[in-house]
Amino acid sequence: MEDDAQLDRIPEKFVAADLSGMRCDGVRCSALTGEVGKHTACGIYEIRPDVCRACMPGGDDCLMARKAHGMVDLPP
């Protein structure tokens, strides 16, 4: 788990007002750039929090997010 110094590196504009985690715009993380389903990237990739580092392509969290955006599952 990251320490406070690591979390303090995340720009305030991407942090939830109650400091509970990353700020989201609807179901989309505010640090996500690009167009979902075409090309996206993390705008703070190098300093992203551990919860984001744990989300792996094709993992349960990834598949849940893809479903929320009406996207098909990744091939095995």
C-alpha atoms as a PDB file:
ATOM      1  CA  MET A   1       0.000   0.000   0.000  1.00  0.00           C
ATOM      2  CA  GLU A   2       1.296   3.447  -0.833  1.00  0.00           C
ATOM      3  CA  ASP A   3       2.231   5.953   1.824  1.00  0.00           C
ATOM      4  CA  ASP A   4       0.990   9.532   2.210  1.00  0.00           C
ATOM      5  CA  ALA A   5       4.012  10.950   0.352  1.00  0.00           C
ATOM      6  CA  GLN A   6       3.163   8.847  -2.714  1.00  0.00           C
ATOM      7  CA  LEU A   7      -0.508   9.841  -2.597  1.00  0.00           C
ATOM      8  CA  ASP A   8       0.435  13.521  -2.197  1.00  0.00           C
ATOM      9  CA  ARG A   9       2.093  13.385  -5.649  1.00  0.00           C
ATOM     10  CA  ILE A  10      -1.305  12.883  -7.322  1.00  0.00           C
ATOM     11  CA  PRO A  11      -2.583  16.267  -8.589  1.00  0.00           C
ATOM     12  CA  GLU A  12      -5.460  17.530  -6.452  1.00  0.00           C
ATOM     13  CA  LYS A  13      -7.752  17.891  -9.497  1.00  0.00           C
ATOM     14  CA  PHE A  14      -7.788  14.073  -9.817  1.00  0.00           C
ATOM     15  CA  VAL A  15      -8.555  13.354  -6.139  1.00  0.00           C
ATOM     16  CA  ALA A  16     -12.121  12.987  -4.812  1.00  0.00           C
ATOM     17  CA  ALA A  17     -13.320  15.932  -2.710  1.00  0.00           C
ATOM     18  CA  ASP A  18     -13.635  13.680   0.365  1.00  0.00           C
ATOM     19  CA  LEU A  19     -10.104  12.308  -0.271  1.00  0.00           C
ATOM     20  CA  SER A  20     -11.548   8.777  -0.577  1.00  0.00           C
ATOM     21  CA  GLY A  21      -9.742   8.026  -3.837  1.00  0.00           C
ATOM     22  CA  MET A  22      -9.576   9.149  -7.426  1.00  0.00           C
ATOM     23  CA  ARG A  23     -12.231  11.627  -8.643  1.00  0.00           C
ATOM     24  CA  CYS A  24     -14.553  10.185 -11.252  1.00  0.00           C
ATOM     25  CA  ASP A  25     -16.601  11.924 -13.907  1.00  0.00           C
ATOM     26  CA  GLY A  26     -19.598   9.584 -13.969  1.00  0.00           C
ATOM     27  CA  VAL A  27     -18.074   6.094 -14.194  1.00  0.00           C
ATOM     28  CA  ARG A  28     -14.836   7.343 -15.731  1.00  0.00           C
ATOM     29  CA  CYS A  29     -11.710   8.209 -13.751  1.00  0.00           C
ATOM     30  CA  SER A  30     -10.856  11.882 -14.157  1.00  0.00           C
ATOM     31  CA  ALA A  31      -7.231  10.958 -14.959  1.00  0.00           C
ATOM     32  CA  LEU A  32      -8.248   8.808 -17.942  1.00  0.00           C
ATOM     33  CA  THR A  33      -7.488  10.474 -21.262  1.00  0.00           C
ATOM     34  CA  GLY A  34      -8.724   9.566 -24.731  1.00  0.00           C
ATOM     35  CA  GLU A  35     -11.922   7.958 -25.945  1.00  0.00           C
ATOM     36  CA  VAL A  36     -13.181   4.790 -24.281  1.00  0.00           C
ATOM     37  CA  GLY A  37     -13.357   1.956 -26.798  1.00  0.00           C
ATOM     38  CA  LYS A  38     -10.836   3.577 -29.135  1.00  0.00           C
ATOM     39  CA  HIS A  39      -7.707   4.635 -27.262  1.00  0.00           C
ATOM     40  CA  THR A  40      -7.308   5.584 -23.622  1.00  0.00           C
ATOM     41  CA  ALA A  41      -4.395   6.148 -21.299  1.00  0.00           C
ATOM     42  CA  CYS A  42      -3.818   7.093 -17.709  1.00  0.00           C
ATOM     43  CA  GLY A  43      -2.845  10.745 -17.453  1.00  0.00           C
ATOM     44  CA  ILE A  44      -0.873  10.064 -14.258  1.00  0.00           C
ATOM     45  CA  TYR A  45       0.445   6.589 -15.111  1.00  0.00           C
ATOM     46  CA  GLU A  46       3.825   6.945 -13.384  1.00  0.00           C
ATOM     47  CA  ILE A  47       2.252   8.117 -10.107  1.00  0.00           C
ATOM     48  CA  ARG A  48      -1.068   6.222 -10.259  1.00  0.00           C
ATOM     49  CA  PRO A  49      -2.255   4.731  -6.954  1.00  0.00           C
ATOM     50  CA  ASP A  50      -1.907   1.053  -6.065  1.00  0.00           C
ATOM     51  CA  VAL A  51      -5.596   0.367  -6.727  1.00  0.00           C
ATOM     52  CA  CYS A  52      -5.019   1.366 -10.358  1.00  0.00           C
ATOM     53  CA  ARG A  53      -1.816  -0.667 -10.598  1.00  0.00           C
ATOM     54  CA  ALA A  54      -3.774  -3.750  -9.482  1.00  0.00           C
ATOM     55  CA  CYS A  55      -6.269  -3.472 -12.378  1.00  0.00           C
ATOM     56  CA  MET A  56      -4.893  -5.725 -15.102  1.00  0.00           C
ATOM     57  CA  PRO A  57      -6.109  -6.064 -18.707  1.00  0.00           C
ATOM     58  CA  GLY A  58      -8.596  -8.928 -18.802  1.00  0.00           C
ATOM     59  CA  GLY A  59      -8.890  -9.040 -14.995  1.00  0.00           C
ATOM     60  CA  ASP A  60     -12.219  -8.908 -13.169  1.00  0.00           C
ATOM     61  CA  ASP A  61     -12.064  -5.111 -12.642  1.00  0.00           C
ATOM     62  CA  CYS A  62     -11.155  -4.556 -16.294  1.00  0.00           C
ATOM     63  CA  LEU A  63     -13.985  -6.765 -17.542  1.00  0.00           C
ATOM     64  CA  MET A  64     -16.458  -5.021 -15.222  1.00  0.00           C
ATOM     65  CA  ALA A  65     -15.385  -1.608 -16.573  1.00  0.00           C
ATOM     66  CA  ARG A  66     -15.602  -2.831 -20.182  1.00  0.00           C
ATOM     67  CA  LYS A  67     -19.142  -4.113 -19.532  1.00  0.00           C
ATOM     68  CA  ALA A  68     -20.139  -0.767 -17.950  1.00  0.00           C
ATOM     69  CA  HIS A  69     -19.103   0.943 -21.195  1.00  0.00           C
ATOM     70  CA  GLY A  70     -20.910  -1.584 -23.419  1.00  0.00           C
ATOM     71  CA  MET A  71     -17.679  -3.131 -24.672  1.00  0.00           C
ATOM     72  CA  VAL A  72     -17.157  -6.829 -25.397  1.00  0.00           C
ATOM     73  CA  ASP A  73     -14.876  -8.971 -23.243  1.00  0.00           C
ATOM     74  CA  LEU A  74     -11.248  -9.309 -24.254  1.00  0.00           C
ATOM     75  CA  PRO A  75     -10.327 -12.576 -25.976  1.00  0.00           C
ATOM     76  CA  PRO A  76      -8.629 -15.131 -23.668  1.00  0.00           C
END
